[in-house]
Amino acid sequence: MKHSVNRPPTPDEDDASEGFEKDEVTLREIINVKLVESGEKENLMELVRDRLVECGWKDEMRIACREHVKKKGRKDVTVDELIRVITPKGRASVPDSVKAELLNRIQNFIVSAAL
């Protein structure tokens, strides 16, 4: 930080970006609270579950888990390890149409809630 006798310290670029992230988290928290209070979060979770089952994503993840367990051996795999290995693949394989539908529903909620 740069200091001066006549003015408060000027934040470095890193400090400024951290402040922006803190504001973003706050906005995220506000939206999350509104989603929970209205019951819309549960509706969105159900929508995502249904869409992922419809497109076969859930079956793909089940198969990936079984393959990993078969490869490592049933006794040598922990739930934490399975989650760590499968999560990146699962996130990357969510269809864009499901992401777009969810984003659209969240945007509509924000507009209707006048956040």
N, C-alpha and C. Protein backbone atom coordinates (compact mmCIF):
# COMPACT_ATOMS: atom_id res chain seq x y z
N MET A 1 0.83 -1.18 0.00
CA MET A 1 0.00 0.00 0.00
C MET A 1 0.87 1.25 0.00
N LYS A 2 0.41 2.27 -0.65
CA LYS A 2 1.12 3.54 -0.68
C LYS A 2 0.54 4.44 0.41
N HIS A 3 1.40 5.06 1.19
CA HIS A 3 0.94 5.89 2.29
C HIS A 3 1.29 7.35 2.04
N SER A 4 0.50 8.23 2.58
CA SER A 4 0.74 9.67 2.49
C SER A 4 0.25 10.32 3.77
N VAL A 5 0.84 11.43 4.07
CA VAL A 5 0.44 12.16 5.27
C VAL A 5 -0.95 12.75 5.09
N ASN A 6 -1.29 13.16 3.86
CA ASN A 6 -2.52 13.89 3.62
C ASN A 6 -3.70 13.03 3.15
N ARG A 7 -3.47 11.80 2.86
CA ARG A 7 -4.57 10.96 2.37
C ARG A 7 -4.46 9.55 2.92
N PRO A 8 -5.56 8.83 2.91
CA PRO A 8 -5.52 7.45 3.40
C PRO A 8 -4.72 6.59 2.43
N PRO A 9 -4.29 5.42 2.85
CA PRO A 9 -3.51 4.54 1.98
C PRO A 9 -4.30 4.17 0.73
N THR A 10 -3.59 4.11 -0.39
CA THR A 10 -4.20 3.69 -1.66
C THR A 10 -4.04 2.18 -1.74
N PRO A 11 -5.14 1.44 -1.92
CA PRO A 11 -5.02 -0.02 -1.96
C PRO A 11 -4.27 -0.46 -3.21
N ASP A 12 -3.52 -1.54 -3.08
CA ASP A 12 -2.87 -2.15 -4.24
C ASP A 12 -3.94 -2.78 -5.10
N GLU A 13 -3.58 -3.17 -6.32
CA GLU A 13 -4.56 -3.79 -7.22
C GLU A 13 -5.11 -5.07 -6.63
N ASP A 14 -4.24 -5.85 -5.95
CA ASP A 14 -4.70 -7.09 -5.34
C ASP A 14 -5.74 -6.83 -4.27
N ASP A 15 -5.52 -5.79 -3.45
CA ASP A 15 -6.47 -5.44 -2.41
C ASP A 15 -7.80 -5.01 -3.00
N ALA A 16 -7.76 -4.27 -4.11
CA ALA A 16 -8.99 -3.80 -4.75
C ALA A 16 -9.79 -4.97 -5.29
N SER A 17 -9.11 -5.96 -5.89
CA SER A 17 -9.85 -7.10 -6.43
C SER A 17 -10.44 -7.93 -5.31
N GLU A 18 -9.76 -8.01 -4.16
CA GLU A 18 -10.32 -8.74 -3.03
C GLU A 18 -11.60 -8.08 -2.54
N GLY A 19 -11.64 -6.76 -2.52
CA GLY A 19 -12.84 -6.04 -2.12
C GLY A 19 -13.99 -6.31 -3.06
N PHE A 20 -13.68 -6.39 -4.35
CA PHE A 20 -14.72 -6.69 -5.34
C PHE A 20 -15.28 -8.08 -5.10
N GLU A 21 -14.41 -9.05 -4.83
CA GLU A 21 -14.87 -10.42 -4.58
C GLU A 21 -15.73 -10.48 -3.33
N LYS A 22 -15.40 -9.68 -2.32
CA LYS A 22 -16.20 -9.66 -1.10
C LYS A 22 -17.59 -9.13 -1.41
N ASP A 23 -17.69 -8.08 -2.25
CA ASP A 23 -18.99 -7.55 -2.64
C ASP A 23 -19.78 -8.59 -3.41
N GLU A 24 -19.11 -9.32 -4.29
CA GLU A 24 -19.76 -10.35 -5.09
C GLU A 24 -20.30 -11.46 -4.20
N VAL A 25 -19.54 -11.87 -3.23
CA VAL A 25 -19.99 -12.91 -2.30
C VAL A 25 -21.21 -12.42 -1.55
N THR A 26 -21.21 -11.17 -1.15
CA THR A 26 -22.35 -10.62 -0.44
C THR A 26 -23.61 -10.66 -1.30
N LEU A 27 -23.47 -10.28 -2.56
CA LEU A 27 -24.61 -10.33 -3.47
C LEU A 27 -25.09 -11.77 -3.64
N ARG A 28 -24.14 -12.69 -3.77
CA ARG A 28 -24.48 -14.11 -3.88
C ARG A 28 -25.24 -14.58 -2.65
N GLU A 29 -24.79 -14.15 -1.49
CA GLU A 29 -25.46 -14.53 -0.25
C GLU A 29 -26.87 -13.98 -0.20
N ILE A 30 -27.06 -12.75 -0.62
CA ILE A 30 -28.39 -12.15 -0.63
C ILE A 30 -29.32 -12.93 -1.55
N ILE A 31 -28.83 -13.24 -2.74
CA ILE A 31 -29.65 -14.00 -3.70
C ILE A 31 -29.98 -15.37 -3.12
N ASN A 32 -29.00 -16.02 -2.51
CA ASN A 32 -29.24 -17.34 -1.93
C ASN A 32 -30.30 -17.27 -0.84
N VAL A 33 -30.23 -16.27 0.02
CA VAL A 33 -31.23 -16.12 1.10
C VAL A 33 -32.62 -15.95 0.50
N LYS A 34 -32.72 -15.10 -0.53
CA LYS A 34 -34.03 -14.88 -1.17
C LYS A 34 -34.54 -16.17 -1.82
N LEU A 35 -33.64 -16.91 -2.45
CA LEU A 35 -34.05 -18.18 -3.07
C LEU A 35 -34.57 -19.16 -2.02
N VAL A 36 -33.89 -19.24 -0.89
CA VAL A 36 -34.29 -20.16 0.18
C VAL A 36 -35.62 -19.71 0.79
N GLU A 37 -35.72 -18.43 1.12
CA GLU A 37 -36.93 -17.91 1.75
C GLU A 37 -38.17 -18.12 0.88
N SER A 38 -38.02 -17.96 -0.41
CA SER A 38 -39.17 -18.08 -1.30
C SER A 38 -39.50 -19.53 -1.66
N GLY A 39 -38.58 -20.44 -1.35
CA GLY A 39 -38.78 -21.84 -1.73
C GLY A 39 -38.33 -22.13 -3.16
N GLU A 40 -37.84 -21.11 -3.85
CA GLU A 40 -37.42 -21.28 -5.24
C GLU A 40 -36.16 -22.13 -5.35
N LYS A 41 -35.31 -22.09 -4.33
CA LYS A 41 -34.08 -22.89 -4.38
C LYS A 41 -34.41 -24.37 -4.46
N GLU A 42 -35.36 -24.82 -3.68
CA GLU A 42 -35.75 -26.23 -3.72
C GLU A 42 -36.34 -26.58 -5.08
N ASN A 43 -37.13 -25.66 -5.66
CA ASN A 43 -37.69 -25.88 -7.00
C ASN A 43 -36.57 -26.01 -8.04
N LEU A 44 -35.56 -25.16 -7.92
CA LEU A 44 -34.43 -25.21 -8.86
C LEU A 44 -33.64 -26.50 -8.69
N MET A 45 -33.44 -26.93 -7.46
CA MET A 45 -32.72 -28.18 -7.21
C MET A 45 -33.47 -29.36 -7.83
N GLU A 46 -34.77 -29.36 -7.68
CA GLU A 46 -35.58 -30.43 -8.26
C GLU A 46 -35.51 -30.39 -9.79
N LEU A 47 -35.57 -29.20 -10.36
CA LEU A 47 -35.46 -29.04 -11.81
C LEU A 47 -34.13 -29.62 -12.32
N VAL A 48 -33.04 -29.26 -11.65
CA VAL A 48 -31.72 -29.75 -12.07
C VAL A 48 -31.65 -31.27 -11.94
N ARG A 49 -32.13 -31.80 -10.82
CA ARG A 49 -32.14 -33.27 -10.65
C ARG A 49 -32.90 -33.95 -11.79
N ASP A 50 -34.08 -33.43 -12.09
CA ASP A 50 -34.90 -34.03 -13.15
C ASP A 50 -34.20 -33.96 -14.50
N ARG A 51 -33.62 -32.79 -14.82
CA ARG A 51 -32.95 -32.62 -16.12
C ARG A 51 -31.73 -33.52 -16.24
N LEU A 52 -30.98 -33.68 -15.14
CA LEU A 52 -29.79 -34.53 -15.19
C LEU A 52 -30.15 -36.00 -15.35
N VAL A 53 -31.26 -36.41 -14.76
CA VAL A 53 -31.73 -37.78 -14.95
C VAL A 53 -32.20 -37.97 -16.39
N GLU A 54 -32.98 -37.00 -16.91
CA GLU A 54 -33.51 -37.08 -18.27
C GLU A 54 -32.41 -37.20 -19.33
N CYS A 55 -31.32 -36.48 -19.13
CA CYS A 55 -30.26 -36.48 -20.15
C CYS A 55 -29.26 -37.61 -19.97
N GLY A 56 -29.41 -38.40 -18.92
CA GLY A 56 -28.52 -39.54 -18.71
C GLY A 56 -27.26 -39.22 -17.93
N TRP A 57 -27.13 -37.99 -17.44
CA TRP A 57 -25.95 -37.59 -16.69
C TRP A 57 -25.79 -38.42 -15.42
N LYS A 58 -26.87 -38.65 -14.72
CA LYS A 58 -26.80 -39.41 -13.47
C LYS A 58 -26.29 -40.83 -13.71
N ASP A 59 -26.76 -41.45 -14.78
CA ASP A 59 -26.29 -42.80 -15.12
C ASP A 59 -24.80 -42.79 -15.48
N GLU A 60 -24.36 -41.77 -16.21
CA GLU A 60 -22.94 -41.65 -16.56
C GLU A 60 -22.08 -41.55 -15.31
N MET A 61 -22.53 -40.77 -14.34
CA MET A 61 -21.77 -40.61 -13.10
C MET A 61 -21.75 -41.91 -12.29
N ARG A 62 -22.84 -42.62 -12.30
CA ARG A 62 -22.90 -43.90 -11.60
C ARG A 62 -21.90 -44.88 -12.22
N ILE A 63 -21.86 -44.91 -13.55
CA ILE A 63 -20.93 -45.78 -14.27
C ILE A 63 -19.49 -45.38 -13.97
N ALA A 64 -19.21 -44.08 -13.98
CA ALA A 64 -17.85 -43.60 -13.68
C ALA A 64 -17.43 -44.00 -12.27
N CYS A 65 -18.34 -43.91 -11.33
CA CYS A 65 -18.04 -44.31 -9.95
C CYS A 65 -17.75 -45.81 -9.88
N ARG A 66 -18.55 -46.59 -10.53
CA ARG A 66 -18.34 -48.05 -10.52
C ARG A 66 -17.02 -48.42 -11.16
N GLU A 67 -16.68 -47.76 -12.26
CA GLU A 67 -15.41 -48.04 -12.93
C GLU A 67 -14.23 -47.71 -12.02
N HIS A 68 -14.32 -46.57 -11.33
CA HIS A 68 -13.24 -46.18 -10.43
C HIS A 68 -13.10 -47.19 -9.29
N VAL A 69 -14.21 -47.61 -8.72
CA VAL A 69 -14.18 -48.57 -7.62
C VAL A 69 -13.62 -49.90 -8.12
N LYS A 70 -14.02 -50.32 -9.30
CA LYS A 70 -13.53 -51.58 -9.86
C LYS A 70 -12.02 -51.50 -10.10
N LYS A 71 -11.55 -50.36 -10.59
CA LYS A 71 -10.13 -50.17 -10.88
C LYS A 71 -9.28 -50.16 -9.60
N LYS A 72 -9.74 -49.48 -8.57
CA LYS A 72 -8.98 -49.34 -7.33
C LYS A 72 -9.21 -50.49 -6.35
N GLY A 73 -10.33 -51.14 -6.47
CA GLY A 73 -10.68 -52.18 -5.50
C GLY A 73 -11.64 -51.61 -4.46
N ARG A 74 -12.67 -52.34 -4.19
CA ARG A 74 -13.74 -51.87 -3.32
C ARG A 74 -13.23 -51.44 -1.94
N LYS A 75 -12.28 -52.17 -1.39
CA LYS A 75 -11.80 -51.87 -0.05
C LYS A 75 -10.80 -50.72 -0.01
N ASP A 76 -10.30 -50.34 -1.18
CA ASP A 76 -9.27 -49.30 -1.23
C ASP A 76 -9.81 -47.93 -1.63
N VAL A 77 -11.13 -47.79 -1.73
CA VAL A 77 -11.72 -46.52 -2.15
C VAL A 77 -12.55 -45.95 -1.00
N THR A 78 -12.33 -44.67 -0.72
CA THR A 78 -13.16 -44.00 0.28
C THR A 78 -14.16 -43.10 -0.45
N VAL A 79 -15.19 -42.72 0.26
CA VAL A 79 -16.19 -41.83 -0.32
C VAL A 79 -15.54 -40.50 -0.68
N ASP A 80 -14.67 -39.99 0.20
CA ASP A 80 -14.00 -38.71 -0.07
C ASP A 80 -13.16 -38.79 -1.35
N GLU A 81 -12.45 -39.89 -1.53
CA GLU A 81 -11.64 -40.06 -2.74
C GLU A 81 -12.54 -40.11 -3.98
N LEU A 82 -13.61 -40.84 -3.88
CA LEU A 82 -14.54 -40.97 -5.00
C LEU A 82 -15.11 -39.61 -5.38
N ILE A 83 -15.48 -38.83 -4.40
CA ILE A 83 -16.00 -37.48 -4.66
C ILE A 83 -14.92 -36.62 -5.32
N ARG A 84 -13.70 -36.69 -4.80
CA ARG A 84 -12.60 -35.89 -5.34
C ARG A 84 -12.31 -36.26 -6.80
N VAL A 85 -12.39 -37.53 -7.13
CA VAL A 85 -12.09 -37.99 -8.49
C VAL A 85 -13.24 -37.70 -9.46
N ILE A 86 -14.46 -37.90 -9.03
CA ILE A 86 -15.62 -37.81 -9.92
C ILE A 86 -16.13 -36.38 -10.09
N THR A 87 -15.99 -35.53 -9.09
CA THR A 87 -16.55 -34.18 -9.14
C THR A 87 -16.11 -33.38 -10.37
N PRO A 88 -14.83 -33.31 -10.70
CA PRO A 88 -14.45 -32.53 -11.89
C PRO A 88 -15.11 -33.05 -13.17
N LYS A 89 -15.16 -34.36 -13.31
CA LYS A 89 -15.81 -34.95 -14.49
C LYS A 89 -17.30 -34.64 -14.49
N GLY A 90 -17.92 -34.74 -13.34
CA GLY A 90 -19.35 -34.46 -13.24
C GLY A 90 -19.68 -33.02 -13.59
N ARG A 91 -18.91 -32.09 -13.06
CA ARG A 91 -19.16 -30.67 -13.35
C ARG A 91 -18.95 -30.37 -14.82
N ALA A 92 -17.91 -30.95 -15.40
CA ALA A 92 -17.60 -30.68 -16.80
C ALA A 92 -18.61 -31.29 -17.75
N SER A 93 -19.30 -32.32 -17.31
CA SER A 93 -20.19 -33.03 -18.22
C SER A 93 -21.67 -32.63 -18.09
N VAL A 94 -21.98 -31.66 -17.25
CA VAL A 94 -23.36 -31.17 -17.17
C VAL A 94 -23.68 -30.49 -18.51
N PRO A 95 -24.75 -30.91 -19.17
CA PRO A 95 -25.08 -30.34 -20.48
C PRO A 95 -25.32 -28.83 -20.42
N ASP A 96 -24.88 -28.15 -21.47
CA ASP A 96 -25.05 -26.70 -21.54
C ASP A 96 -26.53 -26.31 -21.48
N SER A 97 -27.40 -27.14 -22.01
CA SER A 97 -28.82 -26.82 -21.99
C SER A 97 -29.35 -26.76 -20.55
N VAL A 98 -28.86 -27.64 -19.69
CA VAL A 98 -29.27 -27.65 -18.28
C VAL A 98 -28.75 -26.39 -17.59
N LYS A 99 -27.49 -26.05 -17.86
CA LYS A 99 -26.91 -24.84 -17.27
C LYS A 99 -27.68 -23.60 -17.73
N ALA A 100 -27.99 -23.54 -19.01
CA ALA A 100 -28.70 -22.38 -19.56
C ALA A 100 -30.10 -22.25 -18.96
N GLU A 101 -30.80 -23.38 -18.83
CA GLU A 101 -32.14 -23.33 -18.25
C GLU A 101 -32.10 -22.87 -16.80
N LEU A 102 -31.13 -23.36 -16.05
CA LEU A 102 -30.99 -22.96 -14.65
C LEU A 102 -30.66 -21.47 -14.55
N LEU A 103 -29.72 -21.02 -15.36
CA LEU A 103 -29.35 -19.61 -15.35
C LEU A 103 -30.54 -18.72 -15.70
N ASN A 104 -31.31 -19.13 -16.68
CA ASN A 104 -32.50 -18.38 -17.09
C ASN A 104 -33.51 -18.28 -15.95
N ARG A 105 -33.72 -19.38 -15.26
CA ARG A 105 -34.67 -19.38 -14.14
C ARG A 105 -34.18 -18.48 -13.00
N ILE A 106 -32.87 -18.50 -12.73
CA ILE A 106 -32.32 -17.65 -11.67
C ILE A 106 -32.44 -16.18 -12.06
N GLN A 107 -32.13 -15.87 -13.31
CA GLN A 107 -32.24 -14.48 -13.78
C GLN A 107 -33.68 -14.00 -13.68
N ASN A 108 -34.62 -14.83 -14.07
CA ASN A 108 -36.04 -14.45 -13.97
C ASN A 108 -36.45 -14.23 -12.52
N PHE A 109 -35.93 -15.07 -11.62
CA PHE A 109 -36.23 -14.92 -10.20
C PHE A 109 -35.70 -13.57 -9.70
N ILE A 110 -34.46 -13.24 -10.06
CA ILE A 110 -33.86 -12.00 -9.60
C ILE A 110 -34.67 -10.80 -10.09
N VAL A 111 -35.08 -10.85 -11.34
CA VAL A 111 -35.88 -9.74 -11.90
C VAL A 111 -37.22 -9.65 -11.17
N SER A 112 -37.86 -10.78 -10.96
CA SER A 112 -39.17 -10.75 -10.32
C SER A 112 -39.08 -10.36 -8.84
N ALA A 113 -37.97 -10.68 -8.21
CA ALA A 113 -37.79 -10.33 -6.80
C ALA A 113 -37.27 -8.90 -6.65
N ALA A 114 -36.91 -8.29 -7.76
CA ALA A 114 -36.40 -6.91 -7.80
C ALA A 114 -35.21 -6.72 -6.88
N LEU A 115 -34.26 -7.63 -7.01
CA LEU A 115 -33.05 -7.54 -6.19
C LEU A 115 -32.17 -6.47 -6.73
